[in-house]
Amino acid sequence: MKRKQILFTAPGVAEYVERDLSELAADEALVRTEYSAISAGTEFANLMGTPNLPSGDKWPKACGYSSVGRIVAVGEKFKKFEVGDRVLVYHGQHANYNIAKASKMFAVPEKLDSKEAALVIIAAMGLGAVRKMDIEMGHSAMIIGLGLLGMFAMEFARASGAYPVIVSDFNEKRRKLALELGADYVLDPADDDYTEQVKRITNGKGVKNIVEVTGSARALEQALKVIAPMGSIALNGCTRVSDMHIDYYSEVHRPGVKLIGAHNFVRPKVESYPGHWTMEDDCLCIMDMVVGGRIDIKTIISEIHNPWEAPEVFSRLANGHYNFPLGVLFDWTDSEYNKEGG
């Protein structure tokens, strides 16, 4: 069986190709994709071959890790879902078909639109960082970087009772969107009085909880200037290149600041516990909150493309990472491109 797929074939180059699909194992299911979402930070790093990547400098690279679709076939030992069920596929690639085990599939409520569902796995990565902060009602929170993870982290911090919720990003459009989604204050990190603005907002105390989602070493340096004593900084962005100049004694050790690694892989695999939920439990939580109107995904969706437009879409990402739009999806529902054999 063949499948249509988007691959990174060289630095800065994406292609829409047809490849053989592996045989379905007894404990796997075949999912026909409806939508897949671009996670710009991770996919930019893989597209450009930046340092500190598990894939290294090997090409071609399969891309995508957040998709939704319906099960069209199951192996004889696959028991969790049935043919016809709609599921999220964790690490579901940008392809019209994905094969996965039951542990990588999560049930999607029928009331949730598939376009919103396609972003839930990415949203869960932002939620994972917020959970590690132990936010209590009235704790101040700051999100540095308003890509997808940062925007979702802002929504989850607000839902957790944080006040005020401060966000910072160079991009004015993203700052305006954050206000629309409930941020209390938006800042531009390029402002000369950036640190003083944060101190004024927090009445001179500094911020209790910060989620750093840029992957920039400079952003962590700025975070340490505005964190409150005994505060926590969750590192949710992937810092591929570091040129930090941090005085760890005066900025971390003496004020008792916690630096928390909040990579998505730092999760329990089987059972959730306080501050650390499984990917499945976080995704189910988010989907329930979206259906209930407590979390907004729809407003974040900005572009939907046919998969054969991938070369142009990823060319834009390669040439304008920081200005790439949020919530970009590929629509795989066209029957001409989603039928068996491609």
Protein backbone atom coordinates (compact mmCIF):
# COMPACT_ATOMS: atom_id res chain seq x y z
CA MET A 1 0.00 0.00 0.00
CA LYS A 2 1.19 3.50 -0.81
CA ARG A 3 0.74 6.69 1.17
CA LYS A 4 1.18 10.38 0.45
CA GLN A 5 3.57 12.08 2.84
CA ILE A 6 5.49 15.30 3.45
CA LEU A 7 9.23 14.81 3.89
CA PHE A 8 12.16 17.13 4.59
CA THR A 9 14.64 16.05 1.93
CA ALA A 10 17.44 18.61 2.45
CA PRO A 11 18.03 21.65 4.66
CA GLY A 12 15.14 24.06 4.04
CA VAL A 13 13.44 21.74 1.52
CA ALA A 14 10.10 19.92 1.94
CA GLU A 15 8.57 17.62 -0.67
CA TYR A 16 5.18 15.95 -1.10
CA VAL A 17 5.94 12.35 -2.03
CA GLU A 18 4.47 8.88 -2.33
CA ARG A 19 6.08 6.08 -0.34
CA ASP A 20 5.38 2.50 0.63
CA LEU A 21 3.41 2.07 3.85
CA SER A 22 4.64 -0.65 6.18
CA GLU A 23 2.51 -3.70 6.92
CA LEU A 24 0.03 -3.42 9.78
CA ALA A 25 1.25 -5.36 12.84
CA ALA A 26 -1.14 -7.33 15.04
CA ASP A 27 -1.08 -4.68 17.80
CA GLU A 28 -1.41 -1.66 15.51
CA ALA A 29 -4.18 0.30 13.79
CA LEU A 30 -4.26 2.18 10.49
CA VAL A 31 -5.60 5.73 10.68
CA ARG A 32 -6.77 7.80 7.72
CA THR A 33 -5.67 11.35 8.55
CA GLU A 34 -8.12 14.24 8.54
CA TYR A 35 -5.82 17.06 9.72
CA SER A 36 -2.22 17.39 10.86
CA ALA A 37 -0.72 20.44 12.57
CA ILE A 38 2.63 22.17 12.14
CA SER A 39 4.62 22.77 15.31
CA ALA A 40 6.79 25.54 13.93
CA GLY A 41 9.64 25.44 16.47
CA THR A 42 10.36 21.72 16.29
CA GLU A 43 9.72 21.45 12.58
CA PHE A 44 11.92 24.47 11.82
CA ALA A 45 14.76 22.84 13.75
CA ASN A 46 14.35 19.58 11.82
CA LEU A 47 13.84 21.36 8.50
CA MET A 48 17.05 23.34 8.92
CA GLY A 49 19.07 20.61 10.68
CA THR A 50 19.92 22.69 13.76
CA PRO A 51 22.09 21.18 16.54
CA ASN A 52 20.85 18.90 19.36
CA LEU A 53 18.35 16.94 17.28
CA PRO A 54 17.69 13.20 17.74
CA SER A 55 17.50 12.91 13.94
CA GLY A 56 20.92 14.52 13.59
CA ASP A 57 21.86 15.56 10.08
CA LYS A 58 20.19 12.63 8.30
CA TRP A 59 17.89 13.15 5.32
CA PRO A 60 15.11 12.61 4.40
CA LYS A 61 13.19 13.29 7.61
CA ALA A 62 9.56 12.45 8.28
CA CYS A 63 7.87 15.43 9.89
CA GLY A 64 4.81 16.12 12.01
CA TYR A 65 3.71 14.71 15.37
CA SER A 66 0.16 15.95 15.97
CA SER A 67 -2.68 14.62 13.82
CA VAL A 68 -6.28 13.43 13.98
CA GLY A 69 -8.12 10.89 11.87
CA ARG A 70 -10.37 7.84 11.77
CA ILE A 71 -9.33 4.22 12.15
CA VAL A 72 -9.81 2.25 8.93
CA ALA A 73 -8.18 -1.07 9.89
CA VAL A 74 -6.91 -2.82 13.02
CA GLY A 75 -4.56 -5.70 13.72
CA GLU A 76 -5.91 -8.86 15.27
CA LYS A 77 -4.54 -8.00 18.73
CA PHE A 78 -5.54 -4.32 18.69
CA LYS A 79 -8.31 -3.85 21.28
CA LYS A 80 -8.48 -0.19 22.40
CA PHE A 81 -10.53 1.22 19.49
CA GLU A 82 -12.64 0.02 16.60
CA VAL A 83 -12.79 0.81 12.90
CA GLY A 84 -14.55 4.16 12.46
CA ASP A 85 -13.39 5.66 15.77
CA ARG A 86 -11.84 9.12 15.59
CA VAL A 87 -8.51 9.43 17.39
CA LEU A 88 -5.53 11.68 17.98
CA VAL A 89 -2.29 10.11 16.81
CA TYR A 90 0.66 11.04 19.00
CA HIS A 91 3.62 11.44 16.64
CA GLY A 92 1.24 11.08 13.72
CA GLN A 93 3.22 12.34 10.74
CA HIS A 94 2.10 14.65 7.94
CA ALA A 95 0.69 11.82 5.81
CA ASN A 96 -2.69 10.63 4.61
CA TYR A 97 -2.25 7.40 6.58
CA ASN A 98 -0.53 6.71 9.89
CA ILE A 99 0.09 3.42 11.66
CA ALA A 100 0.34 3.44 15.45
CA LYS A 101 -0.04 1.34 18.56
CA ALA A 102 -2.90 1.82 21.01
CA SER A 103 -0.68 3.71 23.48
CA LYS A 104 -0.21 6.46 20.85
CA MET A 105 -3.94 6.94 20.14
CA PHE A 106 -6.42 8.95 22.20
CA ALA A 107 -10.20 9.13 21.77
CA VAL A 108 -11.65 12.37 20.36
CA PRO A 109 -15.07 13.54 21.62
CA GLU A 110 -17.62 13.72 18.81
CA LYS A 111 -18.44 17.33 19.73
CA LEU A 112 -14.87 18.46 19.06
CA ASP A 113 -14.05 19.69 15.56
CA SER A 114 -11.19 17.76 13.96
CA LYS A 115 -9.37 20.98 13.08
CA GLU A 116 -9.21 21.89 16.77
CA ALA A 117 -8.32 18.31 17.73
CA ALA A 118 -5.29 18.41 15.43
CA LEU A 119 -3.63 20.93 17.76
CA VAL A 120 -4.37 19.16 21.05
CA ILE A 121 -1.14 17.16 21.25
CA ILE A 122 0.87 20.35 20.76
CA ALA A 123 -1.31 22.11 23.36
CA ALA A 124 -0.57 19.30 25.83
CA MET A 125 3.12 20.13 25.64
CA GLY A 126 2.39 23.63 26.92
CA LEU A 127 0.11 22.23 29.63
CA GLY A 128 2.85 19.86 30.77
CA ALA A 129 5.11 22.83 31.55
CA VAL A 130 2.38 24.72 33.40
CA ARG A 131 1.59 21.67 35.57
CA LYS A 132 5.20 21.58 36.78
CA MET A 133 4.89 25.13 38.12
CA ASP A 134 2.50 24.26 40.99
CA ILE A 135 0.55 27.46 40.32
CA GLU A 136 -1.87 28.52 43.03
CA MET A 137 -4.66 31.05 42.60
CA GLY A 138 -3.14 34.52 42.75
CA HIS A 139 0.37 33.48 41.78
CA SER A 140 1.80 35.69 39.05
CA ALA A 141 2.82 33.91 35.86
CA MET A 142 4.74 34.92 32.77
CA ILE A 143 5.00 33.19 29.40
CA ILE A 144 8.07 34.15 27.38
CA GLY A 145 7.50 33.36 23.71
CA LEU A 146 4.13 33.18 21.99
CA GLY A 147 4.48 30.37 19.53
CA LEU A 148 1.89 27.61 19.76
CA LEU A 149 3.24 26.16 23.00
CA GLY A 150 3.50 29.59 24.58
CA MET A 151 0.01 30.64 23.55
CA PHE A 152 -1.45 27.47 25.00
CA ALA A 153 0.69 27.75 28.13
CA MET A 154 -0.76 31.22 28.63
CA GLU A 155 -4.32 29.87 28.43
CA PHE A 156 -3.53 27.07 30.87
CA ALA A 157 -1.79 29.39 33.35
CA ARG A 158 -4.87 31.60 33.32
CA ALA A 159 -7.16 28.57 33.74
CA SER A 160 -5.02 27.48 36.72
CA GLY A 161 -5.78 30.72 38.57
CA ALA A 162 -2.59 32.65 37.87
CA TYR A 163 -2.84 36.43 38.19
CA PRO A 164 -1.57 38.51 36.63
CA VAL A 165 -0.69 36.55 33.49
CA ILE A 166 2.08 38.38 31.62
CA VAL A 167 3.32 37.43 28.16
CA SER A 168 6.22 38.66 26.05
CA ASP A 169 7.05 38.27 22.39
CA PHE A 170 8.68 40.38 19.66
CA ASN A 171 5.72 39.77 17.32
CA GLU A 172 2.99 42.40 17.70
CA LYS A 173 0.29 40.21 16.12
CA ARG A 174 0.98 37.46 18.62
CA ARG A 175 0.82 39.91 21.51
CA LYS A 176 -2.59 41.12 20.30
CA LEU A 177 -3.83 37.54 19.99
CA ALA A 178 -2.66 36.81 23.54
CA LEU A 179 -4.75 39.72 24.82
CA GLU A 180 -7.74 38.36 22.93
CA LEU A 181 -7.20 34.97 24.58
CA GLY A 182 -7.02 36.40 28.09
CA ALA A 183 -3.51 37.64 28.90
CA ASP A 184 -3.48 40.50 31.41
CA TYR A 185 -0.30 42.22 30.18
CA VAL A 186 1.70 41.92 26.95
CA LEU A 187 5.31 43.08 26.64
CA ASP A 188 7.93 43.45 23.95
CA PRO A 189 11.26 41.97 25.15
CA ALA A 190 13.08 44.48 22.94
CA ASP A 191 11.94 47.39 25.13
CA ASP A 192 14.79 49.06 27.01
CA ASP A 193 12.74 49.07 30.24
CA TYR A 194 11.47 45.48 29.85
CA THR A 195 12.72 44.38 33.29
CA GLU A 196 11.32 47.49 34.96
CA GLN A 197 7.91 46.91 33.33
CA VAL A 198 7.71 43.44 34.81
CA LYS A 199 8.74 44.67 38.23
CA ARG A 200 6.06 47.41 38.12
CA ILE A 201 3.36 44.91 37.13
CA THR A 202 4.31 42.62 40.02
CA ASN A 203 4.65 45.46 42.57
CA GLY A 204 8.40 44.97 42.71
CA LYS A 205 8.17 41.30 43.71
CA GLY A 206 9.11 39.71 40.41
CA VAL A 207 7.19 36.88 38.76
CA LYS A 208 6.42 33.76 40.77
CA ASN A 209 6.23 31.37 37.79
CA ILE A 210 7.75 31.70 34.32
CA VAL A 211 7.40 29.37 31.34
CA GLU A 212 10.20 29.99 28.81
CA VAL A 213 9.07 28.78 25.38
CA THR A 214 11.43 30.47 22.93
CA GLY A 215 14.38 28.13 23.07
CA SER A 216 16.54 31.26 23.14
CA ALA A 217 19.39 31.50 25.62
CA ARG A 218 18.82 35.25 25.78
CA ALA A 219 15.22 34.69 26.91
CA LEU A 220 16.40 32.65 29.89
CA GLU A 221 18.80 35.42 30.84
CA GLN A 222 15.88 37.87 30.78
CA ALA A 223 13.71 35.48 32.80
CA LEU A 224 16.32 35.34 35.56
CA LYS A 225 16.22 39.15 35.80
CA VAL A 226 12.48 39.19 36.56
CA ILE A 227 11.87 35.97 38.51
CA ALA A 228 10.86 36.36 42.16
CA PRO A 229 13.00 34.84 44.93
CA MET A 230 12.04 31.16 45.34
CA GLY A 231 10.28 31.38 41.97
CA SER A 232 10.23 28.71 39.26
CA ILE A 233 11.19 28.78 35.59
CA ALA A 234 10.00 25.91 33.40
CA LEU A 235 12.11 25.45 30.28
CA ASN A 236 9.54 24.43 27.67
CA GLY A 237 11.43 25.64 24.60
CA CYS A 238 14.28 23.64 23.11
CA THR A 239 17.49 25.67 23.34
CA ARG A 240 19.47 24.20 20.44
CA VAL A 241 22.33 26.71 20.60
CA SER A 242 23.50 28.29 23.86
CA ASP A 243 25.61 31.39 24.42
CA MET A 244 24.28 32.18 27.91
CA HIS A 245 26.08 34.38 30.41
CA ILE A 246 24.47 33.51 33.75
CA ASP A 247 25.81 34.19 37.22
CA TYR A 248 24.42 31.02 38.77
CA TYR A 249 25.30 32.02 42.32
CA SER A 250 23.55 35.40 42.35
CA GLU A 251 20.74 34.60 39.90
CA VAL A 252 19.86 30.99 40.73
CA HIS A 253 21.50 29.59 43.86
CA ARG A 254 21.26 32.50 46.32
CA PRO A 255 17.63 33.52 45.47
CA GLY A 256 16.53 29.86 45.47
CA VAL A 257 15.23 29.88 41.90
CA LYS A 258 14.08 26.56 40.47
CA LEU A 259 15.00 25.75 36.86
CA ILE A 260 12.70 22.96 35.69
CA GLY A 261 13.30 20.91 32.57
CA ALA A 262 9.87 20.69 30.98
CA HIS A 263 10.51 18.74 27.80
CA ASN A 264 7.47 16.80 26.66
CA PHE A 265 9.25 13.47 27.12
CA VAL A 266 9.51 14.10 30.88
CA ARG A 267 6.15 12.46 31.55
CA PRO A 268 4.91 9.32 33.25
CA LYS A 269 4.14 6.64 30.68
CA VAL A 270 1.32 4.82 32.49
CA GLU A 271 -0.24 6.68 35.41
CA SER A 272 -0.58 10.42 36.15
CA TYR A 273 0.36 11.99 39.48
CA PRO A 274 0.23 15.60 40.74
CA GLY A 275 2.14 17.93 38.44
CA HIS A 276 2.99 15.11 36.04
CA TRP A 277 0.23 13.78 33.82
CA THR A 278 0.51 11.27 31.01
CA MET A 279 0.15 12.58 27.48
CA GLU A 280 -3.18 10.79 27.12
CA ASP A 281 -4.62 12.25 30.34
CA ASP A 282 -3.51 15.76 29.37
CA CYS A 283 -5.01 15.42 25.89
CA LEU A 284 -8.32 14.13 27.24
CA CYS A 285 -8.37 16.99 29.76
CA ILE A 286 -7.73 19.60 27.06
CA MET A 287 -10.38 18.21 24.73
CA ASP A 288 -12.98 18.26 27.50
CA MET A 289 -12.06 21.86 28.32
CA VAL A 290 -12.29 22.92 24.68
CA VAL A 291 -15.73 21.31 24.32
CA GLY A 292 -16.76 23.02 27.57
CA GLY A 293 -15.59 26.42 26.33
CA ARG A 294 -12.82 26.84 28.89
CA ILE A 295 -9.90 26.66 26.42
CA ASP A 296 -9.89 28.31 22.99
CA ILE A 297 -8.18 26.54 20.11
CA LYS A 298 -10.33 27.78 17.22
CA THR A 299 -9.07 31.38 17.47
CA ILE A 300 -5.47 30.18 17.17
CA ILE A 301 -6.04 28.40 13.83
CA SER A 302 -4.87 30.78 11.10
CA GLU A 303 -4.20 28.78 7.91
CA ILE A 304 -5.33 25.47 6.41
CA HIS A 305 -3.46 24.08 3.40
CA ASN A 306 -3.68 21.16 1.05
CA PRO A 307 -0.72 18.83 1.64
CA TRP A 308 0.67 19.31 -1.88
CA GLU A 309 1.27 22.94 -0.92
CA ALA A 310 3.86 21.78 1.65
CA PRO A 311 6.96 22.89 -0.31
CA GLU A 312 5.76 26.51 -0.31
CA VAL A 313 4.50 26.39 3.29
CA PHE A 314 7.77 25.05 4.66
CA SER A 315 9.79 27.42 2.49
CA ARG A 316 8.03 30.24 4.33
CA LEU A 317 8.91 28.59 7.63
CA ALA A 318 12.55 28.23 6.62
CA ASN A 319 12.78 31.89 5.66
CA GLY A 320 10.69 33.43 8.42
CA HIS A 321 10.57 31.26 11.51
CA TYR A 322 9.74 34.05 13.98
CA ASN A 323 6.94 35.47 11.84
CA PHE A 324 5.43 32.16 10.74
CA PRO A 325 1.68 32.13 11.53
CA LEU A 326 0.26 30.12 14.40
CA GLY A 327 -2.17 27.24 13.97
CA VAL A 328 -1.21 26.06 10.47
CA LEU A 329 -2.90 22.81 9.45
CA PHE A 330 -2.78 20.41 6.52
CA ASP A 331 -6.17 19.15 5.32
CA TRP A 332 -5.99 15.49 4.23
CA THR A 333 -9.76 14.99 3.77
CA ASP A 334 -9.84 15.45 -0.02
CA SER A 335 -10.83 12.02 -1.30
CA GLU A 336 -8.47 12.28 -4.27
CA TYR A 337 -5.51 12.42 -1.90
CA ASN A 338 -6.82 10.36 1.00
CA LYS A 339 -8.01 7.21 -0.70
CA GLU A 340 -6.20 3.90 -0.59
CA GLY A 341 -3.07 3.97 -2.70
CA GLY A 342 -2.87 7.79 -2.58
